[in-house]
Amino acid sequence: MSEDLKEAEKLGPFARLGLYYRQIVSELRKVVWPTRNQLTTYTAVVLVFVSFVIAVVSVLDLILTKIVFWVFG
């Protein structure tokens, strides 16, 4: 790691930018991308969970609103 840093310091700004870009591409090739089926499943799970949380927060808001209006008239 420190050798890469020393080598990068010797390079010019455009060479460092190129090195940075090559490192990004190298890291992205290591990523395990989800399949279309997995992506659809994960998206559906997130949408259902978010809808559930919205419903719970809405019900709590409605209840607290009724309590506040009852207390303060």
PDB file of N, CA and C in Angstrom:
ATOM      1  N   MET A   1       0.833  -1.192   0.000  1.00  0.00           N
ATOM      2  CA  MET A   1       0.000   0.000   0.000  1.00  0.00           C
ATOM      3  C   MET A   1       0.868   1.241   0.000  1.00  0.00           C
ATOM      4  N   SER A   2       1.871   1.302   0.858  1.00  0.00           N
ATOM      5  CA  SER A   2       2.714   2.487   0.930  1.00  0.00           C
ATOM      6  C   SER A   2       3.547   2.628  -0.345  1.00  0.00           C
ATOM      7  N   GLU A   3       3.888   1.486  -0.984  1.00  0.00           N
ATOM      8  CA  GLU A   3       4.632   1.553  -2.238  1.00  0.00           C
ATOM      9  C   GLU A   3       3.781   2.186  -3.331  1.00  0.00           C
ATOM     10  N   ASP A   4       2.470   1.836  -3.350  1.00  0.00           N
ATOM     11  CA  ASP A   4       1.567   2.442  -4.326  1.00  0.00           C
ATOM     12  C   ASP A   4       1.448   3.936  -4.097  1.00  0.00           C
ATOM     13  N   LEU A   5       1.432   4.324  -2.837  1.00  0.00           N
ATOM     14  CA  LEU A   5       1.319   5.743  -2.501  1.00  0.00           C
ATOM     15  C   LEU A   5       2.573   6.499  -2.935  1.00  0.00           C
ATOM     16  N   LYS A   6       3.740   5.918  -2.692  1.00  0.00           N
ATOM     17  CA  LYS A   6       4.988   6.560  -3.112  1.00  0.00           C
ATOM     18  C   LYS A   6       5.063   6.652  -4.625  1.00  0.00           C
ATOM     19  N   GLU A   7       4.599   5.584  -5.298  1.00  0.00           N
ATOM     20  CA  GLU A   7       4.616   5.578  -6.764  1.00  0.00           C
ATOM     21  C   GLU A   7       3.649   6.627  -7.314  1.00  0.00           C
ATOM     22  N   ALA A   8       2.495   6.774  -6.683  1.00  0.00           N
ATOM     23  CA  ALA A   8       1.508   7.745  -7.134  1.00  0.00           C
ATOM     24  C   ALA A   8       2.002   9.173  -6.936  1.00  0.00           C
ATOM     25  N   GLU A   9       2.805   9.400  -5.881  1.00  0.00           N
ATOM     26  CA  GLU A   9       3.328  10.747  -5.640  1.00  0.00           C
ATOM     27  C   GLU A   9       4.319  11.149  -6.718  1.00  0.00           C
ATOM     28  N   LYS A  10       4.995  10.189  -7.321  1.00  0.00           N
ATOM     29  CA  LYS A  10       5.972  10.488  -8.364  1.00  0.00           C
ATOM     30  C   LYS A  10       5.295  10.819  -9.691  1.00  0.00           C
ATOM     31  N   LEU A  11       4.065  10.369  -9.868  1.00  0.00           N
ATOM     32  CA  LEU A  11       3.371  10.571 -11.135  1.00  0.00           C
ATOM     33  C   LEU A  11       2.783  11.972 -11.218  1.00  0.00           C
ATOM     34  N   GLY A  12       2.505  12.389 -12.433  1.00  0.00           N
ATOM     35  CA  GLY A  12       1.860  13.677 -12.646  1.00  0.00           C
ATOM     36  C   GLY A  12       0.373  13.579 -12.353  1.00  0.00           C
ATOM     37  N   PRO A  13      -0.336  14.704 -12.425  1.00  0.00           N
ATOM     38  CA  PRO A  13      -1.766  14.705 -12.077  1.00  0.00           C
ATOM     39  C   PRO A  13      -2.606  13.838 -13.019  1.00  0.00           C
ATOM     40  N   PHE A  14      -2.292  13.840 -14.317  1.00  0.00           N
ATOM     41  CA  PHE A  14      -3.087  13.045 -15.257  1.00  0.00           C
ATOM     42  C   PHE A  14      -2.785  11.557 -15.097  1.00  0.00           C
ATOM     43  N   ALA A  15      -1.547  11.220 -14.781  1.00  0.00           N
ATOM     44  CA  ALA A  15      -1.185   9.830 -14.550  1.00  0.00           C
ATOM     45  C   ALA A  15      -1.854   9.310 -13.281  1.00  0.00           C
ATOM     46  N   ARG A  16      -1.928  10.173 -12.252  1.00  0.00           N
ATOM     47  CA  ARG A  16      -2.611   9.768 -11.018  1.00  0.00           C
ATOM     48  C   ARG A  16      -4.099   9.567 -11.268  1.00  0.00           C
ATOM     49  N   LEU A  17      -4.680  10.434 -12.092  1.00  0.00           N
ATOM     50  CA  LEU A  17      -6.092  10.296 -12.437  1.00  0.00           C
ATOM     51  C   LEU A  17      -6.323   8.987 -13.195  1.00  0.00           C
ATOM     52  N   GLY A  18      -5.422   8.662 -14.119  1.00  0.00           N
ATOM     53  CA  GLY A  18      -5.535   7.404 -14.851  1.00  0.00           C
ATOM     54  C   GLY A  18      -5.394   6.198 -13.938  1.00  0.00           C
ATOM     55  N   LEU A  19      -4.454   6.267 -12.986  1.00  0.00           N
ATOM     56  CA  LEU A  19      -4.262   5.194 -12.024  1.00  0.00           C
ATOM     57  C   LEU A  19      -5.517   5.017 -11.173  1.00  0.00           C
ATOM     58  N   TYR A  20      -6.082   6.126 -10.746  1.00  0.00           N
ATOM     59  CA  TYR A  20      -7.305   6.087  -9.944  1.00  0.00           C
ATOM     60  C   TYR A  20      -8.429   5.406 -10.729  1.00  0.00           C
ATOM     61  N   TYR A  21      -8.590   5.785 -11.999  1.00  0.00           N
ATOM     62  CA  TYR A  21      -9.629   5.203 -12.844  1.00  0.00           C
ATOM     63  C   TYR A  21      -9.401   3.700 -13.015  1.00  0.00           C
ATOM     64  N   ARG A  22      -8.166   3.285 -13.257  1.00  0.00           N
ATOM     65  CA  ARG A  22      -7.863   1.860 -13.423  1.00  0.00           C
ATOM     66  C   ARG A  22      -8.161   1.081 -12.142  1.00  0.00           C
ATOM     67  N   GLN A  23      -7.887   1.690 -10.986  1.00  0.00           N
ATOM     68  CA  GLN A  23      -8.176   1.026  -9.720  1.00  0.00           C
ATOM     69  C   GLN A  23      -9.680   0.878  -9.504  1.00  0.00           C
ATOM     70  N   ILE A  24     -10.444   1.888  -9.902  1.00  0.00           N
ATOM     71  CA  ILE A  24     -11.899   1.809  -9.780  1.00  0.00           C
ATOM     72  C   ILE A  24     -12.444   0.677 -10.642  1.00  0.00           C
ATOM     73  N   VAL A  25     -11.985   0.610 -11.895  1.00  0.00           N
ATOM     74  CA  VAL A  25     -12.443  -0.445 -12.803  1.00  0.00           C
ATOM     75  C   VAL A  25     -12.047  -1.814 -12.246  1.00  0.00           C
ATOM     76  N   SER A  26     -10.850  -1.924 -11.707  1.00  0.00           N
ATOM     77  CA  SER A  26     -10.386  -3.188 -11.130  1.00  0.00           C
ATOM     78  C   SER A  26     -11.272  -3.617  -9.966  1.00  0.00           C
ATOM     79  N   GLU A  27     -11.644  -2.688  -9.111  1.00  0.00           N
ATOM     80  CA  GLU A  27     -12.493  -3.023  -7.968  1.00  0.00           C
ATOM     81  C   GLU A  27     -13.908  -3.382  -8.406  1.00  0.00           C
ATOM     82  N   LEU A  28     -14.426  -2.686  -9.427  1.00  0.00           N
ATOM     83  CA  LEU A  28     -15.780  -2.983  -9.900  1.00  0.00           C
ATOM     84  C   LEU A  28     -15.866  -4.365 -10.543  1.00  0.00           C
ATOM     85  N   ARG A  29     -14.771  -4.855 -11.096  1.00  0.00           N
ATOM     86  CA  ARG A  29     -14.777  -6.204 -11.668  1.00  0.00           C
ATOM     87  C   ARG A  29     -14.872  -7.271 -10.589  1.00  0.00           C
ATOM     88  N   LYS A  30     -14.497  -6.942  -9.351  1.00  0.00           N
ATOM     89  CA  LYS A  30     -14.566  -7.890  -8.245  1.00  0.00           C
ATOM     90  C   LYS A  30     -15.965  -7.984  -7.644  1.00  0.00           C
ATOM     91  N   VAL A  31     -16.826  -7.033  -7.961  1.00  0.00           N
ATOM     92  CA  VAL A  31     -18.160  -6.979  -7.370  1.00  0.00           C
ATOM     93  C   VAL A  31     -19.010  -8.128  -7.915  1.00  0.00           C
ATOM     94  N   VAL A  32     -19.744  -8.777  -7.015  1.00  0.00           N
ATOM     95  CA  VAL A  32     -20.689  -9.815  -7.431  1.00  0.00           C
ATOM     96  C   VAL A  32     -22.033  -9.127  -7.624  1.00  0.00           C
ATOM     97  N   TRP A  33     -22.430  -8.958  -8.874  1.00  0.00           N
ATOM     98  CA  TRP A  33     -23.663  -8.255  -9.196  1.00  0.00           C
ATOM     99  C   TRP A  33     -24.848  -9.197  -9.060  1.00  0.00           C
ATOM    100  N   PRO A  34     -25.991  -8.719  -8.549  1.00  0.00           N
ATOM    101  CA  PRO A  34     -27.169  -9.587  -8.412  1.00  0.00           C
ATOM    102  C   PRO A  34     -27.788  -9.894  -9.770  1.00  0.00           C
ATOM    103  N   THR A  35     -28.447 -11.049  -9.837  1.00  0.00           N
ATOM    104  CA  THR A  35     -29.162 -11.392 -11.062  1.00  0.00           C
ATOM    105  C   THR A  35     -30.448 -10.573 -11.130  1.00  0.00           C
ATOM    106  N   ARG A  36     -31.101 -10.620 -12.280  1.00  0.00           N
ATOM    107  CA  ARG A  36     -32.349  -9.864 -12.438  1.00  0.00           C
ATOM    108  C   ARG A  36     -33.404 -10.374 -11.451  1.00  0.00           C
ATOM    109  N   ASN A  37     -33.447 -11.690 -11.238  1.00  0.00           N
ATOM    110  CA  ASN A  37     -34.422 -12.264 -10.312  1.00  0.00           C
ATOM    111  C   ASN A  37     -34.145 -11.797  -8.884  1.00  0.00           C
ATOM    112  N   GLN A  38     -32.896 -11.807  -8.478  1.00  0.00           N
ATOM    113  CA  GLN A  38     -32.545 -11.343  -7.129  1.00  0.00           C
ATOM    114  C   GLN A  38     -32.875  -9.866  -6.970  1.00  0.00           C
ATOM    115  N   LEU A  39     -32.565  -9.080  -7.988  1.00  0.00           N
ATOM    116  CA  LEU A  39     -32.828  -7.647  -7.921  1.00  0.00           C
ATOM    117  C   LEU A  39     -34.320  -7.366  -7.794  1.00  0.00           C
ATOM    118  N   THR A  40     -35.137  -8.112  -8.536  1.00  0.00           N
ATOM    119  CA  THR A  40     -36.591  -7.951  -8.456  1.00  0.00           C
ATOM    120  C   THR A  40     -37.089  -8.328  -7.062  1.00  0.00           C
ATOM    121  N   THR A  41     -36.571  -9.419  -6.525  1.00  0.00           N
ATOM    122  CA  THR A  41     -36.975  -9.861  -5.188  1.00  0.00           C
ATOM    123  C   THR A  41     -36.583  -8.840  -4.134  1.00  0.00           C
ATOM    124  N   TYR A  42     -35.350  -8.367  -4.177  1.00  0.00           N
ATOM    125  CA  TYR A  42     -34.883  -7.386  -3.192  1.00  0.00           C
ATOM    126  C   TYR A  42     -35.691  -6.092  -3.280  1.00  0.00           C
ATOM    127  N   THR A  43     -35.981  -5.664  -4.496  1.00  0.00           N
ATOM    128  CA  THR A  43     -36.765  -4.439  -4.671  1.00  0.00           C
ATOM    129  C   THR A  43     -38.159  -4.596  -4.093  1.00  0.00           C
ATOM    130  N   ALA A  44     -38.781  -5.746  -4.341  1.00  0.00           N
ATOM    131  CA  ALA A  44     -40.125  -5.995  -3.807  1.00  0.00           C
ATOM    132  C   ALA A  44     -40.103  -6.012  -2.285  1.00  0.00           C
ATOM    133  N   VAL A  45     -39.101  -6.636  -1.701  1.00  0.00           N
ATOM    134  CA  VAL A  45     -38.998  -6.688  -0.232  1.00  0.00           C
ATOM    135  C   VAL A  45     -38.859  -5.281   0.330  1.00  0.00           C
ATOM    136  N   VAL A  46     -38.031  -4.470  -0.274  1.00  0.00           N
ATOM    137  CA  VAL A  46     -37.834  -3.095   0.212  1.00  0.00           C
ATOM    138  C   VAL A  46     -39.128  -2.300   0.091  1.00  0.00           C
ATOM    139  N   LEU A  47     -39.824  -2.413  -1.032  1.00  0.00           N
ATOM    140  CA  LEU A  47     -41.071  -1.661  -1.212  1.00  0.00           C
ATOM    141  C   LEU A  47     -42.134  -2.091  -0.207  1.00  0.00           C
ATOM    142  N   VAL A  48     -42.254  -3.397   0.055  1.00  0.00           N
ATOM    143  CA  VAL A  48     -43.227  -3.873   1.038  1.00  0.00           C
ATOM    144  C   VAL A  48     -42.866  -3.365   2.423  1.00  0.00           C
ATOM    145  N   PHE A  49     -41.590  -3.436   2.789  1.00  0.00           N
ATOM    146  CA  PHE A  49     -41.162  -2.974   4.117  1.00  0.00           C
ATOM    147  C   PHE A  49     -41.406  -1.471   4.280  1.00  0.00           C
ATOM    148  N   VAL A  50     -41.060  -0.696   3.276  1.00  0.00           N
ATOM    149  CA  VAL A  50     -41.261   0.760   3.352  1.00  0.00           C
ATOM    150  C   VAL A  50     -42.750   1.080   3.452  1.00  0.00           C
ATOM    151  N   SER A  51     -43.583   0.372   2.692  1.00  0.00           N
ATOM    152  CA  SER A  51     -45.030   0.587   2.774  1.00  0.00           C
ATOM    153  C   SER A  51     -45.553   0.274   4.170  1.00  0.00           C
ATOM    154  N   PHE A  52     -45.046  -0.804   4.774  1.00  0.00           N
ATOM    155  CA  PHE A  52     -45.452  -1.175   6.127  1.00  0.00           C
ATOM    156  C   PHE A  52     -45.052  -0.089   7.129  1.00  0.00           C
ATOM    157  N   VAL A  53     -43.847   0.401   7.024  1.00  0.00           N
ATOM    158  CA  VAL A  53     -43.381   1.449   7.952  1.00  0.00           C
ATOM    159  C   VAL A  53     -44.197   2.729   7.757  1.00  0.00           C
ATOM    160  N   ILE A  54     -44.508   3.069   6.519  1.00  0.00           N
ATOM    161  CA  ILE A  54     -45.338   4.254   6.261  1.00  0.00           C
ATOM    162  C   ILE A  54     -46.706   4.086   6.904  1.00  0.00           C
ATOM    163  N   ALA A  55     -47.284   2.885   6.792  1.00  0.00           N
ATOM    164  CA  ALA A  55     -48.603   2.634   7.391  1.00  0.00           C
ATOM    165  C   ALA A  55     -48.538   2.758   8.913  1.00  0.00           C
ATOM    166  N   VAL A  56     -47.517   2.200   9.535  1.00  0.00           N
ATOM    167  CA  VAL A  56     -47.387   2.269  10.997  1.00  0.00           C
ATOM    168  C   VAL A  56     -47.219   3.713  11.458  1.00  0.00           C
ATOM    169  N   VAL A  57     -46.364   4.460  10.788  1.00  0.00           N
ATOM    170  CA  VAL A  57     -46.137   5.854  11.169  1.00  0.00           C
ATOM    171  C   VAL A  57     -47.402   6.681  10.943  1.00  0.00           C
ATOM    172  N   SER A  58     -48.131   6.411   9.877  1.00  0.00           N
ATOM    173  CA  SER A  58     -49.373   7.147   9.614  1.00  0.00           C
ATOM    174  C   SER A  58     -50.415   6.880  10.688  1.00  0.00           C
ATOM    175  N   VAL A  59     -50.552   5.630  11.102  1.00  0.00           N
ATOM    176  CA  VAL A  59     -51.511   5.293  12.151  1.00  0.00           C
ATOM    177  C   VAL A  59     -51.105   5.960  13.468  1.00  0.00           C
ATOM    178  N   LEU A  60     -49.822   5.900  13.817  1.00  0.00           N
ATOM    179  CA  LEU A  60     -49.366   6.559  15.041  1.00  0.00           C
ATOM    180  C   LEU A  60     -49.595   8.072  14.968  1.00  0.00           C
ATOM    181  N   ASP A  61     -49.364   8.666  13.821  1.00  0.00           N
ATOM    182  CA  ASP A  61     -49.594  10.101  13.652  1.00  0.00           C
ATOM    183  C   ASP A  61     -51.072  10.434  13.824  1.00  0.00           C
ATOM    184  N   LEU A  62     -51.929   9.613  13.253  1.00  0.00           N
ATOM    185  CA  LEU A  62     -53.366   9.846  13.385  1.00  0.00           C
ATOM    186  C   LEU A  62     -53.805   9.739  14.840  1.00  0.00           C
ATOM    187  N   ILE A  63     -53.306   8.723  15.539  1.00  0.00           N
ATOM    188  CA  ILE A  63     -53.659   8.533  16.952  1.00  0.00           C
ATOM    189  C   ILE A  63     -53.158   9.707  17.789  1.00  0.00           C
ATOM    190  N   LEU A  64     -51.890  10.098  17.597  1.00  0.00           N
ATOM    191  CA  LEU A  64     -51.351  11.214  18.376  1.00  0.00           C
ATOM    192  C   LEU A  64     -52.060  12.528  18.047  1.00  0.00           C
ATOM    193  N   THR A  65     -52.454  12.707  16.805  1.00  0.00           N
ATOM    194  CA  THR A  65     -53.202  13.918  16.434  1.00  0.00           C
ATOM    195  C   THR A  65     -54.536  13.965  17.160  1.00  0.00           C
ATOM    196  N   LYS A  66     -55.235  12.842  17.201  1.00  0.00           N
ATOM    197  CA  LYS A  66     -56.529  12.789  17.899  1.00  0.00           C
ATOM    198  C   LYS A  66     -56.335  13.077  19.400  1.00  0.00           C
ATOM    199  N   ILE A  67     -55.274  12.522  19.991  1.00  0.00           N
ATOM    200  CA  ILE A  67     -55.011  12.754  21.423  1.00  0.00           C
ATOM    201  C   ILE A  67     -54.705  14.229  21.682  1.00  0.00           C
ATOM    202  N   VAL A  68     -53.887  14.839  20.831  1.00  0.00           N
ATOM    203  CA  VAL A  68     -53.524  16.253  21.016  1.00  0.00           C
ATOM    204  C   VAL A  68     -54.753  17.138  20.871  1.00  0.00           C
ATOM    205  N   PHE A  69     -55.596  16.862  19.866  1.00  0.00           N
ATOM    206  CA  PHE A  69     -56.804  17.679  19.701  1.00  0.00           C
ATOM    207  C   PHE A  69     -57.777  17.460  20.855  1.00  0.00           C
ATOM    208  N   TRP A  70     -57.807  16.268  21.411  1.00  0.00           N
ATOM    209  CA  TRP A  70     -58.688  15.984  22.550  1.00  0.00           C
ATOM    210  C   TRP A  70     -58.197  16.714  23.803  1.00  0.00           C
ATOM    211  N   VAL A  71     -56.854  16.736  24.007  1.00  0.00           N
ATOM    212  CA  VAL A  71     -56.291  17.371  25.198  1.00  0.00           C
ATOM    213  C   VAL A  71     -56.382  18.893  25.101  1.00  0.00           C
ATOM    214  N   PHE A  72     -56.003  19.448  23.954  1.00  0.00           N
ATOM    215  CA  PHE A  72     -55.917  20.902  23.824  1.00  0.00           C
ATOM    216  C   PHE A  72     -57.143  21.519  23.153  1.00  0.00           C
ATOM    217  N   GLY A  73     -58.092  20.721  22.783  1.00  0.00           N
ATOM    218  CA  GLY A  73     -59.364  21.191  22.284  1.00  0.00           C
ATOM    219  C   GLY A  73     -59.317  21.717  20.909  1.00  0.00           C
TER     220      GLY A  73
END
